[in-house]
Amino acid sequence: MTIPTPSGDSLGLGAGVTPGATVPVATYPDYASAQRAVDFLSDNQFPVERTAIVGTDLRLVEKVLGRVTVARSALNGAAGGAWFGLFIGLLFGIFSDRGWLGVLLFAVLIGAVWGAIFGAIAHAMTGGRRDFSSASTLTAGQYAVTVDADVAEQARQALTRLV
């Protein structure tokens, strides 16, 4: 934990703070530590509605999950098409006077087939670009606990007691 001095701070805010401005009172390497600090302030009767956790040095991390093939795209399309077919089948089945289960199954089957066809065509049209699936997360290099300037000293004093 880093506690900036009142004359300056690690986020570039100076000593001549304008009324209503927020100032950082501590910085942490991870979100859990910053969250723990705000929880500590809350437990010590600090007005936490005047605090914020600000992440800086942002970076996007994209984790590659696997290869995407035409077959996998067709399978994903079939699954989506089956769900759509289920929805349409339920709508038609509600208004059908007999054989609603048959209508429902037929709609699911048709939806899956068309979904597979469109999924395979869509993947083939990419021409091999981006043949992988991934999940992206946004992470910060550090997290600052900021408070309104008029209660900053109170927060700094309270955070010195945080173990």
C-alpha atoms as a PDB file:
ATOM      1  CA  MET A   1       0.000   0.000   0.000  1.00  0.00           C
ATOM      2  CA  THR A   2       1.227   3.491  -0.818  1.00  0.00           C
ATOM      3  CA  ILE A   3      -0.186   6.518   0.989  1.00  0.00           C
ATOM      4  CA  PRO A   4       0.526   9.739  -0.940  1.00  0.00           C
ATOM      5  CA  THR A   5       1.602  12.840   0.930  1.00  0.00           C
ATOM      6  CA  PRO A   6      -0.780  15.821   1.049  1.00  0.00           C
ATOM      7  CA  SER A   7       1.569  17.877  -1.163  1.00  0.00           C
ATOM      8  CA  GLY A   8       1.376  15.480  -4.130  1.00  0.00           C
ATOM      9  CA  ASP A   9       0.297  12.045  -5.207  1.00  0.00           C
ATOM     10  CA  SER A  10       1.011   9.225  -7.622  1.00  0.00           C
ATOM     11  CA  LEU A  11      -1.898  10.180  -9.911  1.00  0.00           C
ATOM     12  CA  GLY A  12      -0.726  13.712 -10.666  1.00  0.00           C
ATOM     13  CA  LEU A  13      -3.098  15.680  -8.430  1.00  0.00           C
ATOM     14  CA  GLY A  14      -1.379  18.573  -6.659  1.00  0.00           C
ATOM     15  CA  ALA A  15      -1.760  20.216  -3.255  1.00  0.00           C
ATOM     16  CA  GLY A  16      -4.002  23.068  -4.486  1.00  0.00           C
ATOM     17  CA  VAL A  17      -7.146  20.947  -4.551  1.00  0.00           C
ATOM     18  CA  THR A  18     -10.387  22.664  -5.517  1.00  0.00           C
ATOM     19  CA  PRO A  19     -13.508  22.188  -3.375  1.00  0.00           C
ATOM     20  CA  GLY A  20     -15.502  19.121  -4.368  1.00  0.00           C
ATOM     21  CA  ALA A  21     -12.450  17.460  -5.918  1.00  0.00           C
ATOM     22  CA  THR A  22     -11.331  13.967  -5.030  1.00  0.00           C
ATOM     23  CA  VAL A  23      -7.827  13.031  -4.019  1.00  0.00           C
ATOM     24  CA  PRO A  24      -6.154   9.626  -3.714  1.00  0.00           C
ATOM     25  CA  VAL A  25      -5.432   8.537  -0.164  1.00  0.00           C
ATOM     26  CA  ALA A  26      -3.814   5.169  -0.933  1.00  0.00           C
ATOM     27  CA  THR A  27      -2.836   2.968  -3.878  1.00  0.00           C
ATOM     28  CA  TYR A  28      -2.845  -0.823  -4.056  1.00  0.00           C
ATOM     29  CA  PRO A  29      -1.470  -3.390  -6.513  1.00  0.00           C
ATOM     30  CA  ASP A  30      -4.762  -5.305  -6.784  1.00  0.00           C
ATOM     31  CA  TYR A  31      -8.483  -4.646  -6.590  1.00  0.00           C
ATOM     32  CA  ALA A  32      -9.045  -6.905  -3.580  1.00  0.00           C
ATOM     33  CA  SER A  33      -6.676  -4.782  -1.454  1.00  0.00           C
ATOM     34  CA  ALA A  34      -8.398  -1.552  -2.488  1.00  0.00           C
ATOM     35  CA  GLN A  35     -11.771  -3.106  -1.740  1.00  0.00           C
ATOM     36  CA  ARG A  36     -10.487  -4.222   1.655  1.00  0.00           C
ATOM     37  CA  ALA A  37      -9.378  -0.634   2.402  1.00  0.00           C
ATOM     38  CA  VAL A  38     -12.815   0.789   1.555  1.00  0.00           C
ATOM     39  CA  ASP A  39     -14.437  -1.923   3.682  1.00  0.00           C
ATOM     40  CA  PHE A  40     -12.105  -0.976   6.539  1.00  0.00           C
ATOM     41  CA  LEU A  41     -13.122   2.675   6.153  1.00  0.00           C
ATOM     42  CA  SER A  42     -16.774   1.617   6.235  1.00  0.00           C
ATOM     43  CA  ASP A  43     -16.234  -0.438   9.389  1.00  0.00           C
ATOM     44  CA  ASN A  44     -14.676   2.642  11.022  1.00  0.00           C
ATOM     45  CA  GLN A  45     -17.695   4.868  10.318  1.00  0.00           C
ATOM     46  CA  PHE A  46     -16.067   6.763   7.430  1.00  0.00           C
ATOM     47  CA  PRO A  47     -18.621   8.153   4.919  1.00  0.00           C
ATOM     48  CA  VAL A  48     -17.800   5.661   2.146  1.00  0.00           C
ATOM     49  CA  GLU A  49     -20.286   7.268  -0.237  1.00  0.00           C
ATOM     50  CA  ARG A  50     -17.527   9.863  -0.658  1.00  0.00           C
ATOM     51  CA  THR A  51     -14.977   7.290  -1.883  1.00  0.00           C
ATOM     52  CA  ALA A  52     -14.127   5.651  -5.194  1.00  0.00           C
ATOM     53  CA  ILE A  53     -11.764   2.934  -6.380  1.00  0.00           C
ATOM     54  CA  VAL A  54      -9.941   4.070  -9.515  1.00  0.00           C
ATOM     55  CA  GLY A  55      -7.961   1.617 -11.658  1.00  0.00           C
ATOM     56  CA  THR A  56      -5.035   3.021 -13.649  1.00  0.00           C
ATOM     57  CA  ASP A  57      -2.508   1.604 -16.123  1.00  0.00           C
ATOM     58  CA  LEU A  58      -5.278  -0.329 -17.851  1.00  0.00           C
ATOM     59  CA  ARG A  59      -4.519  -3.239 -20.156  1.00  0.00           C
ATOM     60  CA  LEU A  60      -6.636  -5.619 -22.173  1.00  0.00           C
ATOM     61  CA  VAL A  61      -5.825  -9.309 -21.730  1.00  0.00           C
ATOM     62  CA  GLU A  62      -7.255 -11.694 -24.316  1.00  0.00           C
ATOM     63  CA  LYS A  63      -7.111 -15.377 -23.329  1.00  0.00           C
ATOM     64  CA  VAL A  64      -7.267 -17.711 -26.319  1.00  0.00           C
ATOM     65  CA  LEU A  65      -9.725 -20.513 -25.549  1.00  0.00           C
ATOM     66  CA  GLY A  66      -9.317 -22.729 -28.592  1.00  0.00           C
ATOM     67  CA  ARG A  67      -9.337 -23.215 -32.320  1.00  0.00           C
ATOM     68  CA  VAL A  68     -12.521 -22.582 -34.300  1.00  0.00           C
ATOM     69  CA  THR A  69     -13.164 -24.894 -37.232  1.00  0.00           C
ATOM     70  CA  VAL A  70     -16.006 -25.114 -39.728  1.00  0.00           C
ATOM     71  CA  ALA A  71     -17.386 -28.097 -37.792  1.00  0.00           C
ATOM     72  CA  ARG A  72     -17.295 -26.209 -34.488  1.00  0.00           C
ATOM     73  CA  SER A  73     -18.976 -23.195 -36.094  1.00  0.00           C
ATOM     74  CA  ALA A  74     -21.657 -25.481 -37.526  1.00  0.00           C
ATOM     75  CA  LEU A  75     -22.190 -27.063 -34.100  1.00  0.00           C
ATOM     76  CA  ASN A  76     -22.501 -23.653 -32.435  1.00  0.00           C
ATOM     77  CA  GLY A  77     -24.888 -22.541 -35.175  1.00  0.00           C
ATOM     78  CA  ALA A  78     -26.955 -25.694 -34.699  1.00  0.00           C
ATOM     79  CA  ALA A  79     -27.247 -25.019 -30.977  1.00  0.00           C
ATOM     80  CA  GLY A  80     -28.376 -21.429 -31.565  1.00  0.00           C
ATOM     81  CA  GLY A  81     -30.756 -22.504 -34.301  1.00  0.00           C
ATOM     82  CA  ALA A  82     -32.250 -25.182 -32.060  1.00  0.00           C
ATOM     83  CA  TRP A  83     -33.006 -22.575 -29.390  1.00  0.00           C
ATOM     84  CA  PHE A  84     -34.636 -20.334 -31.969  1.00  0.00           C
ATOM     85  CA  GLY A  85     -36.570 -23.326 -33.312  1.00  0.00           C
ATOM     86  CA  LEU A  86     -37.732 -24.141 -29.785  1.00  0.00           C
ATOM     87  CA  PHE A  87     -39.076 -20.606 -29.402  1.00  0.00           C
ATOM     88  CA  ILE A  88     -40.863 -20.677 -32.758  1.00  0.00           C
ATOM     89  CA  GLY A  89     -42.124 -24.214 -32.095  1.00  0.00           C
ATOM     90  CA  LEU A  90     -43.595 -23.131 -28.768  1.00  0.00           C
ATOM     91  CA  LEU A  91     -45.379 -20.229 -30.444  1.00  0.00           C
ATOM     92  CA  PHE A  92     -46.818 -22.450 -33.187  1.00  0.00           C
ATOM     93  CA  GLY A  93     -47.515 -25.258 -30.705  1.00  0.00           C
ATOM     94  CA  ILE A  94     -49.606 -22.991 -28.502  1.00  0.00           C
ATOM     95  CA  PHE A  95     -51.935 -22.227 -31.393  1.00  0.00           C
ATOM     96  CA  SER A  96     -51.975 -25.749 -32.805  1.00  0.00           C
ATOM     97  CA  ASP A  97     -55.157 -27.733 -32.139  1.00  0.00           C
ATOM     98  CA  ARG A  98     -53.361 -31.102 -32.159  1.00  0.00           C
ATOM     99  CA  GLY A  99     -49.867 -32.511 -32.302  1.00  0.00           C
ATOM    100  CA  TRP A 100     -48.130 -29.601 -30.580  1.00  0.00           C
ATOM    101  CA  LEU A 101     -45.217 -31.820 -29.535  1.00  0.00           C
ATOM    102  CA  GLY A 102     -44.615 -32.800 -33.157  1.00  0.00           C
ATOM    103  CA  VAL A 103     -44.675 -29.131 -34.206  1.00  0.00           C
ATOM    104  CA  LEU A 104     -42.212 -28.308 -31.435  1.00  0.00           C
ATOM    105  CA  LEU A 105     -39.759 -31.094 -32.359  1.00  0.00           C
ATOM    106  CA  PHE A 106     -39.981 -30.279 -36.056  1.00  0.00           C
ATOM    107  CA  ALA A 107     -39.227 -26.576 -35.376  1.00  0.00           C
ATOM    108  CA  VAL A 108     -36.231 -27.489 -33.196  1.00  0.00           C
ATOM    109  CA  LEU A 109     -34.890 -29.835 -35.896  1.00  0.00           C
ATOM    110  CA  ILE A 110     -35.337 -27.286 -38.701  1.00  0.00           C
ATOM    111  CA  GLY A 111     -33.774 -24.549 -36.545  1.00  0.00           C
ATOM    112  CA  ALA A 112     -30.748 -26.742 -35.794  1.00  0.00           C
ATOM    113  CA  VAL A 113     -30.219 -27.649 -39.454  1.00  0.00           C
ATOM    114  CA  TRP A 114     -30.455 -24.055 -40.682  1.00  0.00           C
ATOM    115  CA  GLY A 115     -28.296 -22.850 -37.792  1.00  0.00           C
ATOM    116  CA  ALA A 116     -25.601 -25.383 -38.685  1.00  0.00           C
ATOM    117  CA  ILE A 117     -25.692 -24.370 -42.353  1.00  0.00           C
ATOM    118  CA  PHE A 118     -25.448 -20.656 -41.593  1.00  0.00           C
ATOM    119  CA  GLY A 119     -22.742 -21.228 -38.941  1.00  0.00           C
ATOM    120  CA  ALA A 120     -20.584 -23.197 -41.375  1.00  0.00           C
ATOM    121  CA  ILE A 121     -21.073 -20.663 -44.185  1.00  0.00           C
ATOM    122  CA  ALA A 122     -20.290 -17.730 -41.888  1.00  0.00           C
ATOM    123  CA  HIS A 123     -17.040 -19.354 -40.762  1.00  0.00           C
ATOM    124  CA  ALA A 124     -16.028 -20.299 -44.299  1.00  0.00           C
ATOM    125  CA  MET A 125     -16.577 -16.693 -45.430  1.00  0.00           C
ATOM    126  CA  THR A 126     -13.934 -15.405 -42.972  1.00  0.00           C
ATOM    127  CA  GLY A 127     -11.245 -16.952 -45.165  1.00  0.00           C
ATOM    128  CA  GLY A 128      -9.244 -18.292 -42.227  1.00  0.00           C
ATOM    129  CA  ARG A 129      -8.950 -14.979 -40.395  1.00  0.00           C
ATOM    130  CA  ARG A 130      -9.345 -15.251 -36.642  1.00  0.00           C
ATOM    131  CA  ASP A 131      -9.699 -19.020 -36.438  1.00  0.00           C
ATOM    132  CA  PHE A 132      -9.792 -18.994 -32.646  1.00  0.00           C
ATOM    133  CA  SER A 133     -12.151 -18.129 -29.832  1.00  0.00           C
ATOM    134  CA  SER A 134     -11.132 -15.969 -26.908  1.00  0.00           C
ATOM    135  CA  ALA A 135     -12.281 -14.142 -23.794  1.00  0.00           C
ATOM    136  CA  SER A 136     -11.131 -10.606 -22.998  1.00  0.00           C
ATOM    137  CA  THR A 137     -10.676  -8.990 -19.602  1.00  0.00           C
ATOM    138  CA  LEU A 138      -9.709  -5.471 -18.654  1.00  0.00           C
ATOM    139  CA  THR A 139      -7.203  -5.241 -15.795  1.00  0.00           C
ATOM    140  CA  ALA A 140      -5.495  -2.343 -14.054  1.00  0.00           C
ATOM    141  CA  GLY A 141      -1.872  -2.043 -12.968  1.00  0.00           C
ATOM    142  CA  GLN A 142      -2.807  -0.330  -9.718  1.00  0.00           C
ATOM    143  CA  TYR A 143      -5.910   0.779  -7.851  1.00  0.00           C
ATOM    144  CA  ALA A 144      -6.237   4.072  -5.991  1.00  0.00           C
ATOM    145  CA  VAL A 145      -8.744   4.733  -3.242  1.00  0.00           C
ATOM    146  CA  THR A 146      -9.889   8.316  -3.719  1.00  0.00           C
ATOM    147  CA  VAL A 147     -12.018  10.420  -1.381  1.00  0.00           C
ATOM    148  CA  ASP A 148     -13.474  13.919  -1.370  1.00  0.00           C
ATOM    149  CA  ALA A 149     -10.721  16.404  -0.587  1.00  0.00           C
ATOM    150  CA  ASP A 150     -12.318  17.725   2.600  1.00  0.00           C
ATOM    151  CA  VAL A 151     -12.261  14.268   4.260  1.00  0.00           C
ATOM    152  CA  ALA A 152      -8.944  13.064   2.820  1.00  0.00           C
ATOM    153  CA  GLU A 153      -6.938  13.503   6.011  1.00  0.00           C
ATOM    154  CA  GLN A 154      -9.539  11.581   8.012  1.00  0.00           C
ATOM    155  CA  ALA A 155      -9.310   8.697   5.508  1.00  0.00           C
ATOM    156  CA  ARG A 156      -5.492   8.723   5.527  1.00  0.00           C
ATOM    157  CA  GLN A 157      -5.439   8.521   9.322  1.00  0.00           C
ATOM    158  CA  ALA A 158      -7.926   5.664   9.348  1.00  0.00           C
ATOM    159  CA  LEU A 159      -5.979   3.719   6.705  1.00  0.00           C
ATOM    160  CA  THR A 160      -2.756   3.922   8.725  1.00  0.00           C
ATOM    161  CA  ARG A 161      -4.470   1.542  11.193  1.00  0.00           C
ATOM    162  CA  LEU A 162      -5.232  -0.999   8.440  1.00  0.00           C
ATOM    163  CA  VAL A 163      -3.038  -4.064   8.861  1.00  0.00           C
END
